[in-house]
Amino acid sequence: MRASDALLNNLSPYDRVAIASYSKDPELLLDFTPDKPTAEFALHNLNFTLGFAELNLSSSLASAIDWLAPFPR
């Protein structure tokens, strides 16, 4: 978790972050927010032991890119 904590701590106050997980399909756990403590809580509560049999990274990344489409830059 040190890497995720470092990432959040180095974001500017104006940056927004979203948290998603994936197995067979991506799931948005936290929509874009500037609330870094809430994002940290969501990251620390991810369960890394579920869904290993059905990982589909390319499909999940494509969905995540689609989620980003409404946001400029």
Protein backbone atom coordinates (compact mmCIF):
# COMPACT_ATOMS: atom_id res chain seq x y z
CA MET A 1 0.00 0.00 0.00
CA ARG A 2 2.96 2.33 0.23
CA ALA A 3 2.90 2.95 -3.52
CA SER A 4 -0.77 3.90 -3.53
CA ASP A 5 -0.30 6.11 -0.47
CA ALA A 6 2.65 7.84 -2.16
CA LEU A 7 0.60 8.38 -5.32
CA LEU A 8 -2.27 9.97 -3.39
CA ASN A 9 0.07 12.11 -1.31
CA ASN A 10 1.74 13.50 -4.42
CA LEU A 11 -1.47 14.55 -6.17
CA SER A 12 -2.35 18.22 -6.14
CA PRO A 13 -5.41 19.36 -4.19
CA TYR A 14 -7.14 19.96 -7.53
CA ASP A 15 -6.55 16.43 -8.87
CA ARG A 16 -9.37 13.93 -8.77
CA VAL A 17 -8.98 10.19 -8.40
CA ALA A 18 -11.27 7.23 -9.04
CA ILE A 19 -10.84 3.67 -7.80
CA ALA A 20 -11.86 0.67 -9.89
CA SER A 21 -11.31 -3.05 -9.58
CA TYR A 22 -11.69 -5.76 -12.15
CA SER A 23 -12.08 -9.48 -12.53
CA LYS A 24 -14.45 -10.56 -15.29
CA ASP A 25 -15.75 -6.99 -15.64
CA PRO A 26 -14.51 -3.69 -14.22
CA GLU A 27 -16.32 -2.23 -11.24
CA LEU A 28 -16.14 1.41 -10.27
CA LEU A 29 -15.63 1.46 -6.50
CA LEU A 30 -15.21 5.21 -6.11
CA ASP A 31 -16.13 7.78 -8.73
CA PHE A 32 -13.80 10.70 -9.43
CA THR A 33 -13.30 12.77 -6.30
CA PRO A 34 -10.74 15.18 -4.85
CA ASP A 35 -11.31 13.46 -1.46
CA LYS A 36 -7.97 11.71 -0.97
CA PRO A 37 -8.82 10.12 2.45
CA THR A 38 -11.88 8.43 0.89
CA ALA A 39 -9.75 7.19 -2.01
CA GLU A 40 -7.14 5.88 0.42
CA PHE A 41 -9.87 4.04 2.36
CA ALA A 42 -11.17 2.47 -0.87
CA LEU A 43 -7.68 1.34 -1.86
CA HIS A 44 -6.93 -0.14 1.53
CA ASN A 45 -10.18 -2.13 1.43
CA LEU A 46 -9.60 -3.81 -1.93
CA ASN A 47 -9.76 -7.60 -1.76
CA PHE A 48 -6.96 -9.06 -3.86
CA THR A 49 -8.02 -12.69 -3.38
CA LEU A 50 -11.28 -12.63 -5.35
CA GLY A 51 -11.73 -13.14 -9.08
CA PHE A 52 -8.35 -14.47 -10.15
CA ALA A 53 -9.95 -17.12 -12.36
CA GLU A 54 -11.69 -14.61 -14.62
CA LEU A 55 -9.27 -11.71 -15.03
CA ASN A 56 -9.79 -9.84 -18.27
CA LEU A 57 -7.35 -6.93 -18.20
CA SER A 58 -7.78 -5.75 -21.79
CA SER A 59 -11.58 -5.58 -21.56
CA SER A 60 -11.37 -3.86 -18.18
CA LEU A 61 -8.89 -1.28 -19.48
CA ALA A 62 -11.12 -0.58 -22.48
CA SER A 63 -14.05 0.04 -20.14
CA ALA A 64 -11.94 2.31 -17.93
CA ILE A 65 -10.89 4.35 -20.97
CA ASP A 66 -14.57 4.69 -21.91
CA TRP A 67 -15.29 5.97 -18.37
CA LEU A 68 -12.66 8.68 -18.91
CA ALA A 69 -14.15 9.93 -22.20
CA PRO A 70 -16.32 12.68 -20.61
CA PHE A 71 -13.32 14.23 -18.85
CA PRO A 72 -11.16 16.77 -20.68
CA ARG A 73 -7.44 16.06 -20.85
